[in-house]
Amino acid sequence: MSTEGALSFGRTQLPDEQRRALTRAIHLEWVTIAFMTTAVAVVYLAMGSSQAMKTAWVEDLLAFIPPIAFLLAQRRARRPVDPDHPYGYHRAVGAGHLAAAVALLGTGTYLAVDSAMGLIKAEHPPVATVELFGHAVWAGWVMIAAMVYTGVGPVILGRMKMPLADALHDRVLYADADMQKADWRTAAGTVVGVLGIGLGLWWADAVVAIAISFSIIRDGWTNVRHASGALVDSQARTVEGSQPHPLTRQVDEALEEIAWVRRSGSRVRDMGHVFHVESFVVPHAGHTPDLGDLEHAAQVARGLDWKVDDVVVVPVREIPEELDRRARAKG
């Protein structure tokens, strides 16, 4: 659980806010792993023959993947730049994000098929009684208690992680927080399935299991789309992937405020936690920028945000067509 050396991502020194966020995120992921270990054990002991409980148990097992991926990725991303990795190791975040997403998508698909087969075969899951403290108790109450335990913890942890994911621009942490924040739906659905069995609605268990499976598939597909988009260098987006990151526009606005710059068009590559910026600038007529001008422009861009890690400023006669088209579309 040591956070020694957690002061930078590669050559990017973290501001105090991000330094604290990273330390807290690491601690929370270790707490998550510890809690999910107990949750998996509790659900396994309580699940009996319920398909919904089995699916919830597998989902709890999958919950280990994002925190482990985050811990490995952030450790890798902190390695310094070397000759073989001139851009650093920031892509470890994207690789971890994609691995977690594929695992979710594949397992969710398997569970959906397995649950659907149980529904087609009209399997009637029995829920017997168990002896607790010398009394016979319907096993369904034990299952419900287990789901309440496993449902409350992740929701709290997920809400604690969400602002940290935004502060660090970490999509693995965001995916983890988003899935945990919504875990109450899995717990509530499983409780409904178990109660359905108790009321003689044998099909409720399989239907709930299918619903949980589709929730896993949705999470997996959303994260596969966002992770693969980042790895093939789509334009930088916000941490939740819903819209282009505002830093692209802010870089161009800042550069166009420099006296010798008439127009600027930038393309921003999301490397993981940090961005690589290539800015194409059109000088005013009669001005040829020298090295000092270009270095100053790069410093202006870097000064906007800690995430602006690598900046290349290129003087051109015309903004590249795809960037000019994007600018016109925004205008």
Protein backbone atom coordinates (compact mmCIF):
# COMPACT_ATOMS: atom_id res chain seq x y z
CA MET A 1 0.00 0.00 0.00
CA SER A 2 2.99 2.28 -0.21
CA THR A 3 2.64 5.43 -2.27
CA GLU A 4 6.34 6.18 -2.34
CA GLY A 5 7.29 7.81 -5.64
CA ALA A 6 3.68 8.71 -6.40
CA LEU A 7 4.65 12.34 -7.09
CA SER A 8 4.58 12.18 -10.88
CA PHE A 9 3.30 10.35 -13.93
CA GLY A 10 6.48 9.89 -15.96
CA ARG A 11 8.01 13.36 -16.27
CA THR A 12 4.78 15.13 -15.30
CA GLN A 13 5.00 16.43 -11.73
CA LEU A 14 1.64 16.20 -10.02
CA PRO A 15 0.17 19.28 -8.32
CA ASP A 16 -0.73 18.89 -4.64
CA GLU A 17 -4.41 18.17 -5.36
CA GLN A 18 -3.59 15.32 -7.74
CA ARG A 19 -0.88 14.01 -5.44
CA ARG A 20 -3.40 13.71 -2.61
CA ALA A 21 -6.01 12.24 -4.96
CA LEU A 22 -3.60 9.55 -6.16
CA THR A 23 -2.62 8.59 -2.62
CA ARG A 24 -6.27 8.39 -1.57
CA ALA A 25 -7.25 6.42 -4.69
CA ILE A 26 -4.54 3.83 -4.01
CA HIS A 27 -5.75 3.41 -0.43
CA LEU A 28 -9.39 3.09 -1.54
CA GLU A 29 -8.53 0.43 -4.12
CA TRP A 30 -6.82 -1.65 -1.44
CA VAL A 31 -9.89 -1.20 0.78
CA THR A 32 -12.04 -2.29 -2.18
CA ILE A 33 -10.01 -5.46 -2.67
CA ALA A 34 -10.25 -6.27 1.04
CA PHE A 35 -14.00 -5.64 1.14
CA MET A 36 -14.73 -7.59 -2.05
CA THR A 37 -12.79 -10.56 -0.67
CA THR A 38 -15.27 -10.74 2.21
CA ALA A 39 -18.22 -10.07 -0.13
CA VAL A 40 -17.29 -12.91 -2.47
CA ALA A 41 -16.99 -15.30 0.48
CA VAL A 42 -20.34 -14.21 1.95
CA VAL A 43 -22.26 -14.55 -1.34
CA TYR A 44 -20.63 -17.91 -2.12
CA LEU A 45 -21.71 -19.33 1.24
CA ALA A 46 -25.24 -17.97 0.87
CA MET A 47 -26.03 -18.43 -2.85
CA GLY A 48 -27.40 -21.98 -2.84
CA SER A 49 -28.90 -22.86 -6.24
CA SER A 50 -30.18 -19.37 -7.13
CA GLN A 51 -29.13 -18.29 -10.62
CA ALA A 52 -29.42 -14.62 -9.65
CA MET A 53 -27.13 -15.17 -6.64
CA LYS A 54 -24.66 -17.04 -8.83
CA THR A 55 -24.61 -14.16 -11.33
CA ALA A 56 -24.19 -11.60 -8.54
CA TRP A 57 -21.31 -13.69 -7.16
CA VAL A 58 -19.55 -13.69 -10.54
CA GLU A 59 -20.09 -9.94 -10.79
CA ASP A 60 -18.43 -9.58 -7.38
CA LEU A 61 -15.50 -11.62 -8.68
CA LEU A 62 -15.25 -9.30 -11.69
CA ALA A 63 -15.12 -6.35 -9.30
CA PHE A 64 -11.52 -7.33 -8.48
CA ILE A 65 -10.37 -6.56 -12.04
CA PRO A 66 -10.66 -2.72 -12.12
CA PRO A 67 -8.88 -2.03 -8.79
CA ILE A 68 -6.09 -4.46 -9.65
CA ALA A 69 -5.81 -2.93 -13.15
CA PHE A 70 -5.68 0.57 -11.61
CA LEU A 71 -2.97 -0.34 -9.10
CA LEU A 72 -0.82 -1.96 -11.80
CA ALA A 73 -1.43 0.77 -14.40
CA GLN A 74 -0.69 3.76 -12.15
CA ARG A 75 2.48 2.09 -10.94
CA ARG A 76 3.58 1.46 -14.53
CA ALA A 77 2.62 4.99 -15.63
CA ARG A 78 4.94 6.50 -13.02
CA ARG A 79 8.01 5.00 -14.69
CA PRO A 80 10.28 7.63 -16.26
CA VAL A 81 10.70 8.15 -19.99
CA ASP A 82 13.45 6.04 -21.56
CA PRO A 83 14.89 5.65 -25.09
CA ASP A 84 12.54 2.77 -25.91
CA HIS A 85 9.51 4.64 -24.55
CA PRO A 86 9.96 8.31 -25.53
CA TYR A 87 6.30 9.02 -24.73
CA GLY A 88 6.56 7.35 -21.32
CA TYR A 89 4.35 4.56 -20.01
CA HIS A 90 1.04 6.41 -19.85
CA ARG A 91 -0.63 3.95 -22.23
CA ALA A 92 -0.59 1.42 -19.37
CA VAL A 93 -3.81 3.11 -18.23
CA GLY A 94 -5.49 2.45 -21.58
CA ALA A 95 -4.24 -1.14 -21.65
CA GLY A 96 -5.60 -1.76 -18.15
CA HIS A 97 -8.90 -0.14 -19.06
CA LEU A 98 -9.29 -2.31 -22.17
CA ALA A 99 -8.37 -5.53 -20.32
CA ALA A 100 -10.97 -4.84 -17.62
CA ALA A 101 -13.60 -3.94 -20.23
CA VAL A 102 -13.06 -7.09 -22.31
CA ALA A 103 -13.29 -9.25 -19.18
CA LEU A 104 -16.61 -7.60 -18.28
CA LEU A 105 -18.02 -7.96 -21.78
CA GLY A 106 -17.00 -11.61 -22.18
CA THR A 107 -18.19 -12.73 -18.76
CA GLY A 108 -21.46 -10.80 -19.04
CA THR A 109 -22.20 -12.50 -22.38
CA TYR A 110 -21.50 -15.95 -20.90
CA LEU A 111 -23.74 -15.28 -17.89
CA ALA A 112 -26.57 -14.00 -20.10
CA VAL A 113 -26.50 -17.19 -22.19
CA ASP A 114 -26.24 -19.40 -19.09
CA SER A 115 -29.15 -17.64 -17.38
CA ALA A 116 -31.28 -17.74 -20.54
CA MET A 117 -30.73 -21.50 -20.82
CA GLY A 118 -31.98 -21.91 -17.25
CA LEU A 119 -35.12 -19.97 -18.16
CA ILE A 120 -35.67 -21.99 -21.34
CA LYS A 121 -35.26 -25.27 -19.46
CA ALA A 122 -37.70 -24.01 -16.79
CA GLU A 123 -35.30 -24.87 -14.00
CA HIS A 124 -36.94 -24.44 -10.57
CA PRO A 125 -34.24 -23.40 -8.08
CA PRO A 126 -35.06 -24.77 -4.62
CA VAL A 127 -34.50 -22.54 -1.59
CA ALA A 128 -34.34 -24.72 1.52
CA THR A 129 -34.10 -23.84 5.19
CA VAL A 130 -30.92 -23.52 7.21
CA GLU A 131 -30.30 -23.78 10.93
CA LEU A 132 -29.05 -20.58 12.58
CA PHE A 133 -28.49 -20.40 16.32
CA GLY A 134 -30.71 -23.41 16.84
CA HIS A 135 -33.60 -22.11 14.69
CA ALA A 136 -34.75 -23.16 11.21
CA VAL A 137 -34.58 -20.13 8.90
CA TRP A 138 -35.60 -19.83 5.25
CA ALA A 139 -32.34 -19.64 3.29
CA GLY A 140 -33.76 -16.78 1.23
CA TRP A 141 -33.40 -14.44 4.23
CA VAL A 142 -29.72 -15.36 4.44
CA MET A 143 -29.33 -14.59 0.72
CA ILE A 144 -31.05 -11.23 1.13
CA ALA A 145 -28.83 -10.33 4.10
CA ALA A 146 -25.76 -11.24 2.02
CA MET A 147 -26.90 -8.99 -0.83
CA VAL A 148 -27.54 -6.06 1.51
CA TYR A 149 -23.98 -6.45 2.82
CA THR A 150 -22.44 -6.65 -0.66
CA GLY A 151 -24.61 -3.85 -2.05
CA VAL A 152 -23.96 -1.08 0.46
CA GLY A 153 -20.13 -1.15 0.55
CA PRO A 154 -19.45 -0.73 -3.20
CA VAL A 155 -21.91 2.15 -3.49
CA ILE A 156 -20.07 4.08 -0.76
CA LEU A 157 -16.64 3.26 -2.22
CA GLY A 158 -17.77 4.15 -5.75
CA ARG A 159 -19.00 7.58 -4.70
CA MET A 160 -15.71 8.22 -2.87
CA LYS A 161 -13.67 7.29 -5.96
CA MET A 162 -15.62 9.30 -8.55
CA PRO A 163 -14.13 12.75 -7.78
CA LEU A 164 -10.65 11.19 -7.55
CA ALA A 165 -11.03 9.69 -11.03
CA ASP A 166 -11.93 13.12 -12.39
CA ALA A 167 -9.02 14.81 -10.59
CA LEU A 168 -6.54 12.26 -11.97
CA HIS A 169 -8.19 11.87 -15.39
CA ASP A 170 -8.01 8.10 -14.82
CA ARG A 171 -10.50 6.06 -16.83
CA VAL A 172 -9.76 2.78 -15.06
CA LEU A 173 -10.60 4.40 -11.74
CA TYR A 174 -13.67 6.07 -13.28
CA ALA A 175 -14.96 2.76 -14.70
CA ASP A 176 -14.42 1.12 -11.32
CA ALA A 177 -16.23 3.92 -9.48
CA ASP A 178 -19.11 4.02 -11.97
CA MET A 179 -19.74 0.26 -11.77
CA GLN A 180 -19.50 0.20 -7.98
CA LYS A 181 -21.78 3.22 -7.62
CA ALA A 182 -24.47 1.29 -9.52
CA ASP A 183 -23.99 -1.99 -7.65
CA TRP A 184 -27.11 -1.37 -5.57
CA ARG A 185 -29.12 -2.31 -8.66
CA THR A 186 -27.52 -5.75 -8.74
CA ALA A 187 -28.17 -6.24 -5.03
CA ALA A 188 -31.77 -5.00 -5.28
CA GLY A 189 -32.45 -7.13 -8.35
CA THR A 190 -31.07 -10.23 -6.68
CA VAL A 191 -33.26 -9.62 -3.62
CA VAL A 192 -36.30 -9.41 -5.95
CA GLY A 193 -35.28 -12.69 -7.60
CA VAL A 194 -34.91 -14.47 -4.27
CA LEU A 195 -38.25 -13.15 -3.03
CA GLY A 196 -39.79 -14.31 -6.30
CA ILE A 197 -38.62 -17.85 -5.61
CA GLY A 198 -40.17 -17.64 -2.15
CA LEU A 199 -43.49 -16.57 -3.68
CA GLY A 200 -43.40 -19.48 -6.13
CA LEU A 201 -42.35 -17.39 -9.14
CA TRP A 202 -39.54 -19.73 -10.24
CA TRP A 203 -38.84 -17.68 -13.39
CA ALA A 204 -38.08 -14.49 -11.41
CA ASP A 205 -34.66 -15.82 -10.43
CA ALA A 206 -33.58 -16.43 -14.05
CA VAL A 207 -35.06 -13.15 -15.28
CA VAL A 208 -33.14 -11.18 -12.65
CA ALA A 209 -29.95 -13.10 -13.52
CA ILE A 210 -30.41 -12.14 -17.20
CA ALA A 211 -30.97 -8.49 -16.22
CA ILE A 212 -27.77 -8.47 -14.15
CA SER A 213 -25.90 -10.09 -17.06
CA PHE A 214 -27.06 -7.37 -19.44
CA SER A 215 -25.94 -4.75 -16.93
CA ILE A 216 -22.47 -6.33 -16.98
CA ILE A 217 -22.53 -6.45 -20.80
CA ARG A 218 -23.52 -2.76 -20.97
CA ASP A 219 -20.68 -1.78 -18.65
CA GLY A 220 -18.26 -3.91 -20.65
CA TRP A 221 -19.31 -2.57 -24.05
CA THR A 222 -19.25 1.07 -22.91
CA ASN A 223 -15.75 0.67 -21.51
CA VAL A 224 -14.47 -1.30 -24.53
CA ARG A 225 -15.66 1.52 -26.78
CA HIS A 226 -14.01 4.23 -24.70
CA ALA A 227 -10.78 2.29 -24.08
CA SER A 228 -10.30 1.27 -27.72
CA GLY A 229 -11.08 4.82 -28.87
CA ALA A 230 -8.29 6.21 -26.70
CA LEU A 231 -5.82 3.57 -27.86
CA VAL A 232 -6.43 4.34 -31.55
CA ASP A 233 -5.88 8.06 -30.88
CA SER A 234 -9.37 9.45 -31.13
CA GLN A 235 -9.56 13.06 -29.96
CA ALA A 236 -9.08 13.52 -26.22
CA ARG A 237 -12.32 13.24 -24.29
CA THR A 238 -13.48 13.86 -20.74
CA VAL A 239 -12.85 11.06 -18.25
CA GLU A 240 -16.36 9.62 -18.65
CA GLY A 241 -15.94 9.74 -22.45
CA SER A 242 -19.15 11.67 -23.10
CA GLN A 243 -17.68 14.70 -24.90
CA PRO A 244 -14.44 16.16 -26.30
CA HIS A 245 -12.13 17.42 -23.59
CA PRO A 246 -12.33 21.23 -23.22
CA LEU A 247 -8.53 21.50 -23.06
CA THR A 248 -8.35 21.18 -26.86
CA ARG A 249 -10.35 24.38 -27.27
CA GLN A 250 -8.55 26.08 -24.38
CA VAL A 251 -5.12 25.41 -25.93
CA ASP A 252 -6.18 27.04 -29.20
CA GLU A 253 -7.73 30.01 -27.43
CA ALA A 254 -4.58 30.54 -25.34
CA LEU A 255 -2.27 30.32 -28.35
CA GLU A 256 -4.40 32.73 -30.38
CA GLU A 257 -3.93 35.31 -27.61
CA ILE A 258 -0.18 35.36 -28.37
CA ALA A 259 0.63 38.50 -30.38
CA TRP A 260 2.21 36.78 -33.41
CA VAL A 261 -0.38 33.95 -33.75
CA ARG A 262 -3.27 34.57 -36.14
CA ARG A 263 -4.92 31.13 -35.91
CA SER A 264 -4.32 27.87 -34.07
CA GLY A 265 -5.59 24.33 -34.61
CA SER A 266 -4.57 21.59 -32.19
CA ARG A 267 -4.94 17.86 -32.05
CA VAL A 268 -4.77 16.38 -28.57
CA ARG A 269 -3.93 12.74 -27.92
CA ASP A 270 -5.00 11.17 -24.62
CA MET A 271 -1.98 9.17 -23.45
CA GLY A 272 -3.58 7.96 -20.22
CA HIS A 273 -3.49 10.50 -17.43
CA VAL A 274 -1.81 13.14 -19.58
CA PHE A 275 -2.19 14.66 -23.06
CA HIS A 276 0.16 15.01 -26.02
CA VAL A 277 -0.65 18.24 -27.86
CA GLU A 278 0.30 19.09 -31.45
CA SER A 279 -0.58 22.70 -32.21
CA PHE A 280 -0.47 24.08 -35.76
CA VAL A 281 -0.24 27.86 -35.69
CA VAL A 282 -0.59 30.35 -38.55
CA PRO A 283 1.58 33.47 -37.89
CA HIS A 284 0.43 36.95 -38.78
CA ALA A 285 1.62 38.13 -42.18
CA GLY A 286 5.22 39.34 -42.10
CA HIS A 287 6.16 37.52 -38.89
CA THR A 288 8.41 34.47 -38.95
CA PRO A 289 8.47 32.86 -35.48
CA ASP A 290 11.89 31.99 -34.10
CA LEU A 291 12.82 29.33 -31.54
CA GLY A 292 12.05 31.68 -28.67
CA ASP A 293 8.53 32.31 -30.01
CA LEU A 294 7.85 28.58 -30.38
CA GLU A 295 9.24 27.74 -26.93
CA HIS A 296 7.09 30.46 -25.37
CA ALA A 297 3.98 29.17 -27.16
CA ALA A 298 4.66 25.65 -25.87
CA GLN A 299 5.06 27.01 -22.33
CA VAL A 300 1.74 28.84 -22.62
CA ALA A 301 0.01 25.56 -23.54
CA ARG A 302 1.72 23.61 -20.75
CA GLY A 303 0.74 26.25 -18.23
CA LEU A 304 -2.97 25.65 -18.82
CA ASP A 305 -3.22 22.35 -16.97
CA TRP A 306 -1.00 19.67 -15.42
CA LYS A 307 -2.38 17.15 -17.95
CA VAL A 308 -0.75 19.01 -20.86
CA ASP A 309 2.43 16.95 -20.76
CA ASP A 310 4.00 17.05 -24.23
CA VAL A 311 3.55 20.03 -26.57
CA VAL A 312 4.72 20.46 -30.15
CA VAL A 313 4.09 23.84 -31.80
CA VAL A 314 4.35 23.85 -35.59
CA PRO A 315 4.17 27.07 -37.67
CA VAL A 316 2.17 26.50 -40.87
CA ARG A 317 0.64 28.54 -43.70
CA GLU A 318 -2.77 26.85 -43.32
CA ILE A 319 -4.42 24.88 -40.52
CA PRO A 320 -4.66 21.16 -41.51
CA GLU A 321 -8.01 20.50 -43.17
CA GLU A 322 -9.41 18.10 -40.55
CA LEU A 323 -8.64 20.55 -37.72
CA ASP A 324 -10.01 23.51 -39.67
CA ARG A 325 -13.19 21.55 -40.42
CA ARG A 326 -13.59 20.69 -36.73
CA ALA A 327 -13.12 24.36 -35.77
CA ARG A 328 -15.75 25.47 -38.27
CA ALA A 329 -18.17 22.82 -37.00
CA LYS A 330 -17.78 24.12 -33.44
CA GLY A 331 -18.22 27.66 -34.61
